[in-house]
Amino acid sequence: MAISFNQLALYFLVLVLGWLLGLLSRSRGGRWRRQYEAERDQRLALETAHADRDAAARARIAELERHEPAIAAGTAGSIAAAASGRRDDLSLIRGIGSAGEARLNDAGIHRFVDLSRMSDSDAAALEGRLGATPGTIAREEWREQAALLASGRVDEHRARFV
């Protein structure tokens, strides 16, 4: 197929026109490029700020972990007692409840016998550790309840205390 002079001239004009349009669009494209670069710079600044904040948070967490024990005192004993089956349901004692049982376990009290054999001075010390009002153990008769439950007299405990 032979190309005529008119076709060749038309191709040349299209090429020149495309080149001119490319130059014109490039000169107007500077506005879009500036917007793109401004948005890119803003995104990079935000990423840097977030990275700095994350690094500061991680450093603070590491500092707190160095100064605080991983678990509270007595918790390891509670876990060991529960795993070995050497633990009674202290929440059965009126006035203790599940939250009180957890605090008693943290204090090293896991069985009814532990409570029932407690002396008055031990009870006062335990009240201080638990943050309870002095005389709470005697007033709510925790030792008496624990003695009944330790000896297996659950019905008598229910009749007297529930």
C-alpha atoms as a PDB file:
ATOM      1  CA  MET A   1       0.000   0.000   0.000  1.00  0.00           C
ATOM      2  CA  ALA A   2       1.443   3.299  -1.051  1.00  0.00           C
ATOM      3  CA  ILE A   3       1.125   6.410   1.095  1.00  0.00           C
ATOM      4  CA  SER A   4       0.144   9.517  -0.756  1.00  0.00           C
ATOM      5  CA  PHE A   5       1.536  12.968  -0.149  1.00  0.00           C
ATOM      6  CA  ASN A   6      -1.755  14.116   1.377  1.00  0.00           C
ATOM      7  CA  GLN A   7      -1.704  11.240   3.866  1.00  0.00           C
ATOM      8  CA  LEU A   8       1.902  11.973   4.759  1.00  0.00           C
ATOM      9  CA  ALA A   9       1.073  15.641   5.301  1.00  0.00           C
ATOM     10  CA  LEU A  10      -1.904  14.638   7.470  1.00  0.00           C
ATOM     11  CA  TYR A  11       0.272  12.346   9.606  1.00  0.00           C
ATOM     12  CA  PHE A  12       2.820  15.145   9.997  1.00  0.00           C
ATOM     13  CA  LEU A  13       0.115  17.615  11.076  1.00  0.00           C
ATOM     14  CA  VAL A  14      -1.289  15.123  13.627  1.00  0.00           C
ATOM     15  CA  LEU A  15       2.225  14.581  14.993  1.00  0.00           C
ATOM     16  CA  VAL A  16       2.851  18.323  15.340  1.00  0.00           C
ATOM     17  CA  LEU A  17      -0.577  18.887  16.871  1.00  0.00           C
ATOM     18  CA  GLY A  18      -0.017  16.092  19.413  1.00  0.00           C
ATOM     19  CA  TRP A  19       3.364  17.539  20.295  1.00  0.00           C
ATOM     20  CA  LEU A  20       1.840  21.012  20.831  1.00  0.00           C
ATOM     21  CA  LEU A  21      -0.984  19.618  22.957  1.00  0.00           C
ATOM     22  CA  GLY A  22       1.559  17.718  25.043  1.00  0.00           C
ATOM     23  CA  LEU A  23       3.537  20.907  25.646  1.00  0.00           C
ATOM     24  CA  LEU A  24       0.397  22.839  26.583  1.00  0.00           C
ATOM     25  CA  SER A  25      -0.834  20.161  28.975  1.00  0.00           C
ATOM     26  CA  ARG A  26       2.576  19.935  30.573  1.00  0.00           C
ATOM     27  CA  SER A  27       2.654  23.635  31.334  1.00  0.00           C
ATOM     28  CA  ARG A  28      -0.815  23.450  32.907  1.00  0.00           C
ATOM     29  CA  GLY A  29       0.067  20.186  34.696  1.00  0.00           C
ATOM     30  CA  GLY A  30       2.395  22.045  37.046  1.00  0.00           C
ATOM     31  CA  ARG A  31      -0.587  22.970  39.214  1.00  0.00           C
ATOM     32  CA  TRP A  32      -1.510  19.292  39.620  1.00  0.00           C
ATOM     33  CA  ARG A  33       2.085  18.363  40.312  1.00  0.00           C
ATOM     34  CA  ARG A  34       2.319  21.033  43.017  1.00  0.00           C
ATOM     35  CA  GLN A  35      -0.881  19.749  44.631  1.00  0.00           C
ATOM     36  CA  TYR A  36       0.392  16.177  44.472  1.00  0.00           C
ATOM     37  CA  GLU A  37       3.718  17.154  46.026  1.00  0.00           C
ATOM     38  CA  ALA A  38       1.977  19.161  48.770  1.00  0.00           C
ATOM     39  CA  GLU A  39      -0.284  16.227  49.634  1.00  0.00           C
ATOM     40  CA  ARG A  40       2.673  13.812  49.551  1.00  0.00           C
ATOM     41  CA  ASP A  41       4.659  16.057  51.908  1.00  0.00           C
ATOM     42  CA  GLN A  42       1.672  16.323  54.245  1.00  0.00           C
ATOM     43  CA  ARG A  43       1.232  12.521  54.282  1.00  0.00           C
ATOM     44  CA  LEU A  44       4.934  11.994  54.997  1.00  0.00           C
ATOM     45  CA  ALA A  45       4.767  14.503  57.859  1.00  0.00           C
ATOM     46  CA  LEU A  46       1.758  12.666  59.349  1.00  0.00           C
ATOM     47  CA  GLU A  47       3.492   9.299  59.012  1.00  0.00           C
ATOM     48  CA  THR A  48       6.556  10.693  60.769  1.00  0.00           C
ATOM     49  CA  ALA A  49       4.416  12.136  63.577  1.00  0.00           C
ATOM     50  CA  HIS A  50       2.613   8.821  64.018  1.00  0.00           C
ATOM     51  CA  ALA A  51       5.883   6.910  64.024  1.00  0.00           C
ATOM     52  CA  ASP A  52       7.277   9.258  66.684  1.00  0.00           C
ATOM     53  CA  ARG A  53       4.130   8.879  68.811  1.00  0.00           C
ATOM     54  CA  ASP A  54       4.238   5.084  68.466  1.00  0.00           C
ATOM     55  CA  ALA A  55       7.911   5.002  69.430  1.00  0.00           C
ATOM     56  CA  ALA A  56       7.204   7.157  72.496  1.00  0.00           C
ATOM     57  CA  ALA A  57       4.308   4.884  73.501  1.00  0.00           C
ATOM     58  CA  ARG A  58       6.444   1.761  73.116  1.00  0.00           C
ATOM     59  CA  ALA A  59       9.213   3.347  75.190  1.00  0.00           C
ATOM     60  CA  ARG A  60       6.698   4.237  77.937  1.00  0.00           C
ATOM     61  CA  ILE A  61       5.289   0.709  77.948  1.00  0.00           C
ATOM     62  CA  ALA A  62       8.798  -0.742  78.198  1.00  0.00           C
ATOM     63  CA  GLU A  63       9.591   1.615  81.084  1.00  0.00           C
ATOM     64  CA  LEU A  64       6.419   0.628  82.947  1.00  0.00           C
ATOM     65  CA  GLU A  65       7.098  -3.062  82.396  1.00  0.00           C
ATOM     66  CA  ARG A  66      10.591  -2.670  83.874  1.00  0.00           C
ATOM     67  CA  HIS A  67       9.199  -1.071  87.040  1.00  0.00           C
ATOM     68  CA  GLU A  68       6.072  -3.199  87.547  1.00  0.00           C
ATOM     69  CA  PRO A  69       5.991  -6.962  88.016  1.00  0.00           C
ATOM     70  CA  ALA A  70       4.374  -8.934  85.224  1.00  0.00           C
ATOM     71  CA  ILE A  71       1.773 -10.337  87.618  1.00  0.00           C
ATOM     72  CA  ALA A  72       0.632  -9.184  91.025  1.00  0.00           C
ATOM     73  CA  ALA A  73       2.132 -10.626  94.189  1.00  0.00           C
ATOM     74  CA  GLY A  74       0.402 -13.859  95.088  1.00  0.00           C
ATOM     75  CA  THR A  75      -1.124 -14.399  91.670  1.00  0.00           C
ATOM     76  CA  ALA A  76       1.394 -17.080  90.803  1.00  0.00           C
ATOM     77  CA  GLY A  77       0.454 -18.870  94.013  1.00  0.00           C
ATOM     78  CA  SER A  78      -3.228 -18.571  93.124  1.00  0.00           C
ATOM     79  CA  ILE A  79      -2.632 -20.051  89.714  1.00  0.00           C
ATOM     80  CA  ALA A  80      -0.537 -22.858  91.133  1.00  0.00           C
ATOM     81  CA  ALA A  81      -3.151 -23.622  93.784  1.00  0.00           C
ATOM     82  CA  ALA A  82      -5.944 -23.665  91.237  1.00  0.00           C
ATOM     83  CA  ALA A  83      -3.968 -25.901  88.898  1.00  0.00           C
ATOM     84  CA  SER A  84      -3.146 -28.384  91.633  1.00  0.00           C
ATOM     85  CA  GLY A  85      -6.723 -28.503  92.932  1.00  0.00           C
ATOM     86  CA  ARG A  86      -5.720 -27.178  96.364  1.00  0.00           C
ATOM     87  CA  ARG A  87      -8.268 -24.388  96.283  1.00  0.00           C
ATOM     88  CA  ASP A  88     -11.718 -23.954  97.807  1.00  0.00           C
ATOM     89  CA  ASP A  89     -14.535 -21.721  96.577  1.00  0.00           C
ATOM     90  CA  LEU A  90     -14.061 -18.898  99.072  1.00  0.00           C
ATOM     91  CA  SER A  91     -16.892 -16.955  97.449  1.00  0.00           C
ATOM     92  CA  LEU A  92     -19.313 -19.262  99.328  1.00  0.00           C
ATOM     93  CA  ILE A  93     -18.486 -17.320 102.478  1.00  0.00           C
ATOM     94  CA  ARG A  94     -20.998 -14.519 102.961  1.00  0.00           C
ATOM     95  CA  GLY A  95     -19.278 -11.149 102.571  1.00  0.00           C
ATOM     96  CA  ILE A  96     -16.487 -12.308 100.266  1.00  0.00           C
ATOM     97  CA  GLY A  97     -17.915 -12.799  96.763  1.00  0.00           C
ATOM     98  CA  SER A  98     -15.898 -13.511  93.638  1.00  0.00           C
ATOM     99  CA  ALA A  99     -13.915 -10.251  93.739  1.00  0.00           C
ATOM    100  CA  GLY A 100     -13.056 -10.842  97.394  1.00  0.00           C
ATOM    101  CA  GLU A 101     -12.029 -14.394  96.592  1.00  0.00           C
ATOM    102  CA  ALA A 102      -9.592 -13.125  93.968  1.00  0.00           C
ATOM    103  CA  ARG A 103      -8.113 -10.642  96.472  1.00  0.00           C
ATOM    104  CA  LEU A 104      -7.817 -13.382  99.103  1.00  0.00           C
ATOM    105  CA  ASN A 105      -6.115 -15.647  96.573  1.00  0.00           C
ATOM    106  CA  ASP A 106      -3.692 -12.822  95.765  1.00  0.00           C
ATOM    107  CA  ALA A 107      -3.004 -12.560  99.494  1.00  0.00           C
ATOM    108  CA  GLY A 108      -2.203 -16.287  99.636  1.00  0.00           C
ATOM    109  CA  ILE A 109      -5.500 -17.541 101.101  1.00  0.00           C
ATOM    110  CA  HIS A 110      -6.844 -20.422  98.986  1.00  0.00           C
ATOM    111  CA  ARG A 111      -8.642 -22.792 101.338  1.00  0.00           C
ATOM    112  CA  PHE A 112     -11.309 -22.629 104.017  1.00  0.00           C
ATOM    113  CA  VAL A 113      -8.777 -24.013 106.492  1.00  0.00           C
ATOM    114  CA  ASP A 114      -6.486 -21.036 105.852  1.00  0.00           C
ATOM    115  CA  LEU A 115      -9.249 -18.677 106.971  1.00  0.00           C
ATOM    116  CA  SER A 116     -10.549 -20.791 109.863  1.00  0.00           C
ATOM    117  CA  ARG A 117      -7.098 -21.115 111.504  1.00  0.00           C
ATOM    118  CA  MET A 118      -6.337 -17.404 111.305  1.00  0.00           C
ATOM    119  CA  SER A 119      -5.561 -15.611 114.565  1.00  0.00           C
ATOM    120  CA  ASP A 120      -6.934 -12.178 115.441  1.00  0.00           C
ATOM    121  CA  SER A 121      -3.620 -10.535 114.565  1.00  0.00           C
ATOM    122  CA  ASP A 122      -3.495 -12.419 111.246  1.00  0.00           C
ATOM    123  CA  ALA A 123      -7.078 -11.289 110.529  1.00  0.00           C
ATOM    124  CA  ALA A 124      -6.171  -7.669 111.273  1.00  0.00           C
ATOM    125  CA  ALA A 125      -3.134  -7.902 108.991  1.00  0.00           C
ATOM    126  CA  LEU A 126      -5.263  -9.455 106.240  1.00  0.00           C
ATOM    127  CA  GLU A 127      -7.859  -6.706 106.576  1.00  0.00           C
ATOM    128  CA  GLY A 128      -5.082  -4.164 106.162  1.00  0.00           C
ATOM    129  CA  ARG A 129      -3.793  -5.913 103.024  1.00  0.00           C
ATOM    130  CA  LEU A 130      -7.295  -6.128 101.563  1.00  0.00           C
ATOM    131  CA  GLY A 131      -8.128  -2.536 102.443  1.00  0.00           C
ATOM    132  CA  ALA A 132     -11.136  -3.727 104.447  1.00  0.00           C
ATOM    133  CA  THR A 133     -12.581  -1.944 107.459  1.00  0.00           C
ATOM    134  CA  PRO A 134     -10.951  -3.174 110.677  1.00  0.00           C
ATOM    135  CA  GLY A 135     -13.081  -5.870 112.270  1.00  0.00           C
ATOM    136  CA  THR A 136     -14.714  -6.989 109.020  1.00  0.00           C
ATOM    137  CA  ILE A 137     -13.531 -10.591 109.342  1.00  0.00           C
ATOM    138  CA  ALA A 138     -14.863 -10.916 112.892  1.00  0.00           C
ATOM    139  CA  ARG A 139     -18.076  -8.984 112.204  1.00  0.00           C
ATOM    140  CA  GLU A 140     -18.957 -11.052 109.137  1.00  0.00           C
ATOM    141  CA  GLU A 141     -17.719 -14.260 110.835  1.00  0.00           C
ATOM    142  CA  TRP A 142     -15.484 -15.373 107.991  1.00  0.00           C
ATOM    143  CA  ARG A 143     -13.499 -17.716 110.242  1.00  0.00           C
ATOM    144  CA  GLU A 144     -16.620 -19.424 111.582  1.00  0.00           C
ATOM    145  CA  GLN A 145     -18.089 -19.801 108.091  1.00  0.00           C
ATOM    146  CA  ALA A 146     -14.782 -21.161 106.793  1.00  0.00           C
ATOM    147  CA  ALA A 147     -14.622 -23.697 109.653  1.00  0.00           C
ATOM    148  CA  LEU A 148     -18.110 -24.997 108.812  1.00  0.00           C
ATOM    149  CA  LEU A 149     -17.341 -25.245 105.108  1.00  0.00           C
ATOM    150  CA  ALA A 150     -13.942 -26.847 105.732  1.00  0.00           C
ATOM    151  CA  SER A 151     -15.565 -29.582 107.850  1.00  0.00           C
ATOM    152  CA  GLY A 152     -18.131 -30.232 105.121  1.00  0.00           C
ATOM    153  CA  ARG A 153     -21.136 -28.875 107.034  1.00  0.00           C
ATOM    154  CA  VAL A 154     -22.509 -26.974 104.047  1.00  0.00           C
ATOM    155  CA  ASP A 155     -26.165 -27.341 105.126  1.00  0.00           C
ATOM    156  CA  GLU A 156     -25.421 -25.867 108.554  1.00  0.00           C
ATOM    157  CA  HIS A 157     -23.539 -23.008 106.879  1.00  0.00           C
ATOM    158  CA  ARG A 158     -26.506 -22.308 104.599  1.00  0.00           C
ATOM    159  CA  ALA A 159     -28.903 -22.360 107.546  1.00  0.00           C
ATOM    160  CA  ARG A 160     -26.840 -19.918 109.606  1.00  0.00           C
ATOM    161  CA  PHE A 161     -25.299 -17.554 107.060  1.00  0.00           C
ATOM    162  CA  VAL A 162     -27.241 -17.550 103.791  1.00  0.00           C
END
